[in-house]
Each structure stands twice: as structure tokens, then as C-alpha cells.
Protein backbone atom coordinates (compact mmCIF):
# COMPACT_ATOMS: atom_id res chain seq x y z
CA MET A 1 -61.94 47.18 36.38
CA ALA A 2 -60.22 47.54 33.02
CA GLY A 3 -57.26 45.54 34.34
CA GLU A 4 -59.55 42.69 35.37
CA THR A 5 -61.20 42.70 31.96
CA THR A 6 -57.82 42.45 30.22
CA ARG A 7 -56.72 39.77 32.67
CA GLN A 8 -59.85 37.70 32.01
CA ARG A 9 -59.55 38.20 28.26
CA ASN A 10 -55.94 36.97 28.42
CA LEU A 11 -56.94 33.97 30.54
CA ASP A 12 -59.75 33.09 28.14
CA ALA A 13 -57.33 33.27 25.19
CA VAL A 14 -54.76 31.10 26.99
CA VAL A 15 -57.46 28.53 27.79
CA HIS A 16 -58.55 28.52 24.16
CA ARG A 17 -54.94 28.14 22.96
CA MET A 18 -54.24 25.23 25.33
CA LEU A 19 -57.44 23.42 24.36
CA ASP A 20 -56.81 23.96 20.64
CA ALA A 21 -53.29 22.57 20.99
CA GLY A 22 -54.46 19.71 23.22
CA ARG A 23 -51.37 20.31 25.37
CA THR A 24 -50.37 21.98 28.60
CA ASP A 25 -46.65 22.39 27.96
CA LEU A 26 -46.86 25.33 25.58
CA PRO A 27 -44.16 27.95 26.20
CA LEU A 28 -45.22 31.27 27.68
CA VAL A 29 -44.33 33.00 24.40
CA SER A 30 -46.76 30.72 22.53
CA LEU A 31 -49.50 31.32 25.09
CA ALA A 32 -48.94 35.07 24.82
CA LYS A 33 -49.03 34.97 21.04
CA GLY A 34 -52.32 33.06 21.19
CA ALA A 35 -53.66 35.71 23.55
CA GLY A 36 -52.52 38.52 21.28
CA THR A 37 -50.24 39.95 23.93
CA SER A 38 -46.66 39.65 25.13
CA ASP A 39 -45.22 37.17 27.59
CA GLY A 40 -44.31 40.16 29.77
CA MET A 41 -47.97 41.19 29.99
CA LEU A 42 -49.00 37.65 30.97
CA VAL A 43 -46.37 37.73 33.73
CA TYR A 44 -47.68 41.16 34.78
CA TYR A 45 -51.21 39.79 35.19
CA PHE A 46 -50.45 36.29 36.46
CA LYS A 47 -46.99 36.68 38.05
CA THR A 48 -45.67 33.29 36.82
CA ARG A 49 -46.34 30.82 34.03
CA GLU A 50 -47.26 28.27 36.72
CA ALA A 51 -49.90 30.59 38.20
CA LEU A 52 -51.31 31.22 34.71
CA VAL A 53 -51.47 27.50 33.93
CA SER A 54 -53.05 26.79 37.32
CA GLU A 55 -55.83 29.31 36.67
CA ALA A 56 -56.31 28.00 33.15
CA LEU A 57 -56.63 24.44 34.49
CA ASP A 58 -59.24 25.58 37.02
CA ARG A 59 -61.21 27.37 34.31
CA ILE A 60 -61.06 24.40 31.93
CA ARG A 61 -62.09 21.95 34.62
CA ALA A 62 -65.05 24.09 35.70
CA HIS A 63 -66.20 24.48 32.08
CA ARG A 64 -65.96 20.74 31.44
CA ARG A 65 -67.96 19.98 34.57
CA THR A 66 -70.70 22.34 33.40
CA GLN A 67 -70.71 20.70 29.96
CA LEU A 68 -70.93 17.22 31.51
CA ALA A 69 -73.75 18.28 33.84
CA THR A 70 -75.65 19.67 30.85
CA GLU A 71 -75.18 16.47 28.84
CA LEU A 72 -76.17 14.22 31.76
CA ALA A 73 -79.25 16.36 32.47
CA ARG A 74 -80.55 15.27 29.06
CA VAL A 75 -80.65 11.59 30.10
CA PRO A 76 -84.36 10.83 30.38
CA ARG A 77 -85.96 9.52 33.51
CA ALA A 78 -87.70 6.59 31.90
CA ASP A 79 -87.73 2.80 31.97
CA SER A 80 -84.38 2.68 30.20
CA PRO A 81 -82.00 5.61 29.96
CA THR A 82 -79.66 3.59 27.69
CA ASP A 83 -79.98 5.94 24.71
CA GLY A 84 -79.28 8.94 26.91
CA PHE A 85 -76.13 7.36 28.36
CA ALA A 86 -74.99 6.40 24.85
CA ALA A 87 -75.42 10.02 23.73
CA VAL A 88 -73.30 11.29 26.64
CA LEU A 89 -70.60 8.67 26.01
CA ARG A 90 -70.57 9.63 22.32
CA TRP A 91 -70.14 13.28 23.27
CA MET A 92 -67.28 12.43 25.64
CA ALA A 93 -65.50 10.35 22.97
CA SER A 94 -66.40 12.66 20.09
CA GLU A 95 -63.92 13.46 17.38
CA ASP A 96 -65.34 17.00 17.51
CA ASP A 97 -63.82 17.34 20.97
CA ALA A 98 -60.54 15.51 20.26
CA ALA A 99 -58.20 18.37 21.21
CA SER A 100 -60.05 18.87 24.49
CA VAL A 101 -59.87 15.15 25.26
CA ARG A 102 -56.15 15.16 24.39
CA PHE A 103 -55.73 18.15 26.68
CA PHE A 104 -57.42 16.32 29.57
CA TYR A 105 -55.16 13.30 29.09
CA ASP A 106 -52.07 15.48 28.84
CA ALA A 107 -52.94 17.47 31.96
CA GLY A 108 -54.19 14.38 33.78
CA SER A 109 -51.04 12.39 33.12
CA ARG A 110 -49.00 15.27 34.51
CA GLY A 111 -51.17 15.00 37.63
CA PHE A 112 -49.35 11.82 38.59
CA GLY A 113 -46.19 13.87 39.11
CA ASP A 114 -45.26 16.38 41.77
CA ASP A 115 -46.91 19.49 40.30
CA ASP A 116 -49.73 20.52 42.65
CA ALA A 117 -51.75 22.30 39.94
CA PHE A 118 -51.86 19.18 37.77
CA CYS A 119 -52.53 16.90 40.76
CA ARG A 120 -55.49 19.13 41.70
CA PHE A 121 -56.64 19.09 38.07
CA LEU A 122 -56.52 15.29 37.82
CA GLN A 123 -58.19 14.66 41.16
CA GLY A 124 -60.76 17.38 40.59
CA SER A 125 -61.61 16.22 37.06
CA ILE A 126 -62.22 12.68 38.24
CA ARG A 127 -64.20 13.87 41.25
CA ASP A 128 -66.28 16.17 39.01
CA ALA A 129 -67.16 13.35 36.62
CA VAL A 130 -67.98 10.92 39.43
CA ASP A 131 -70.07 13.55 41.25
CA GLU A 132 -72.05 14.58 38.16
CA ALA A 133 -72.72 10.95 37.18
CA THR A 134 -73.68 10.13 40.77
CA LEU A 135 -76.15 13.02 40.79
CA THR A 136 -77.62 11.72 37.55
CA ALA A 137 -78.03 8.23 39.01
CA ARG A 138 -79.80 9.71 42.05
CA ARG A 139 -82.07 11.72 39.76
CA LEU A 140 -82.91 8.50 37.95
CA GLY A 141 -83.91 6.84 41.22
CA ALA A 142 -80.78 5.00 42.37
CA ASP A 143 -80.02 4.67 46.07
CA GLU A 144 -76.81 6.25 47.43
CA THR A 145 -74.59 3.16 47.15
CA THR A 146 -75.78 2.33 43.64
CA ALA A 147 -75.44 5.97 42.58
CA GLU A 148 -71.83 6.19 43.76
CA SER A 149 -70.93 2.91 42.06
CA PHE A 150 -72.60 4.15 38.89
CA GLY A 151 -70.63 7.42 39.07
CA THR A 152 -67.35 5.53 39.27
CA MET A 153 -68.29 3.12 36.47
CA PHE A 154 -69.49 5.93 34.22
CA THR A 155 -66.27 7.88 34.74
CA ALA A 156 -64.06 4.84 34.07
CA MET A 157 -66.00 3.81 30.96
CA SER A 158 -66.15 7.30 29.47
CA ALA A 159 -62.43 7.88 30.05
CA ALA A 160 -61.48 4.53 28.53
CA LEU A 161 -63.68 5.03 25.47
CA ALA A 162 -62.31 8.54 24.87
CA ALA A 163 -58.71 7.34 25.25
CA ASP A 164 -59.35 4.38 22.93
CA ARG A 165 -60.83 6.64 20.25
CA LEU A 166 -57.87 9.00 20.46
CA ALA A 167 -55.31 6.21 20.42
CA THR A 168 -56.80 3.94 17.77
CA GLY A 169 -59.35 5.93 15.80
CA ASP A 170 -61.39 2.73 15.41
CA LEU A 171 -64.74 4.50 15.37
CA ASP A 172 -66.85 1.48 14.38
CA ARG A 173 -65.57 -0.64 17.26
CA ILE A 174 -65.88 2.23 19.70
CA GLU A 175 -69.42 2.96 18.53
CA ARG A 176 -70.38 -0.66 19.29
CA ALA A 177 -68.62 -0.43 22.64
CA ILE A 178 -70.51 2.76 23.50
CA ASP A 179 -73.83 1.01 22.87
CA SER A 180 -72.75 -1.90 25.08
CA ALA A 181 -71.40 0.37 27.81
CA ALA A 182 -74.62 2.42 27.84
CA GLY A 183 -76.62 -0.77 28.29
CA VAL A 184 -74.40 -1.89 31.17
CA LEU A 185 -74.69 1.54 32.82
CA ALA A 186 -78.47 1.58 32.48
CA GLY A 187 -78.60 -1.97 33.84
CA THR A 188 -76.82 -0.95 37.02
CA LEU A 189 -79.70 1.40 37.79
CA THR A 190 -82.35 -1.24 37.27
CA PRO A 191 -83.19 -3.11 40.48
CA ALA A 192 -82.38 -6.84 40.34
CA GLU A 193 -85.44 -9.06 40.39
């Protein structure tokens, strides 16, 4: 039991270190230092750096999905959920979460390579976002086809807005774009007359 507690504490510290750095390529020594332990102890608990990173990616992805579900649950079921979608998009593109967003882009871009852990992370992160947004659309009354389309659009828009904010820092333009994107998203859930 004590070993599992130390293992979890080390994993939590590694996750925190990776998110703070906004990078996945930190050396094992740096991850160990951030965890307040030695690289040898991390190898003892996780066997390899790759296994440690894989577990950290799984933990980060699960936490982000929970955060997204919480944010989307706040979107009101009303005539127009535009303000609620705008709030979620603002959260996803927030400067407060810049290192986490950088981390997701770093890990996601590595998912296009041959590393299975990063491929799983990229595919899973996209699937998580699409699934959570699809569930929200269903909760707001959309049929299955509309809900799935909404989930894909929401995921694409939120990723693009977050990347744009990180790359350009043009907060005024992005703020206007968020308002427009939220209106488009809300409009996809409104039946055509």
C-alpha cells in the first residue's frame, strides 16, 4: 500500500511538472527532480521513461475530459445556449491554461508519429472532446446526427481558437471569434424553419 501511495505521488508530480512545462520531452532527471525523487526511483516504480510518460498522458487526458465535461454541463438548456458555449470556448483558449494547452499541442503533434502512447493520446483526446460535446448537444435536444456533427465542429473550433491564441496572442480578435463561433455552434442546434 505504501508503495502504491509513493508511486501515485510520483505520477502526480510528473503530471504537474509536464503540464507546468507545457512539454512532453522533459528528461527523466528533470521529471524526477520535479517529483522530489531520483530518476532511479521513477524507473523502479514505472520501469521505463516511456511507461511513465504513457501513464502521465493517460492521467492528463482523463483529467482534461472531466474538466471539459464539467464546463459543458454548465451550458444552459434554454432557447439559446450561445453564452454557455462562449464561456466553454473561453475556458479552452484561456491564458490561465496556456501551459496545459501547449502541452496538449506538444503531445498531440507527437501523436502523428510512430509512438503508440502519443498516438493513443491524440486519438483519445479528440474522441473525448467530440464525445463530451456530442453528449452536450444531445442534452440540449439535438438528434444523433446533429449531435455528432456538433461534437466535431465544437472540437475543431475550440482547438483552432486555442492554437491561435497561443500562436498569436491576439486576444481581442480571438474574443470576437469566440463570440462568433459560439453563435454558429448554438445555431447548429436550432432546427431550421
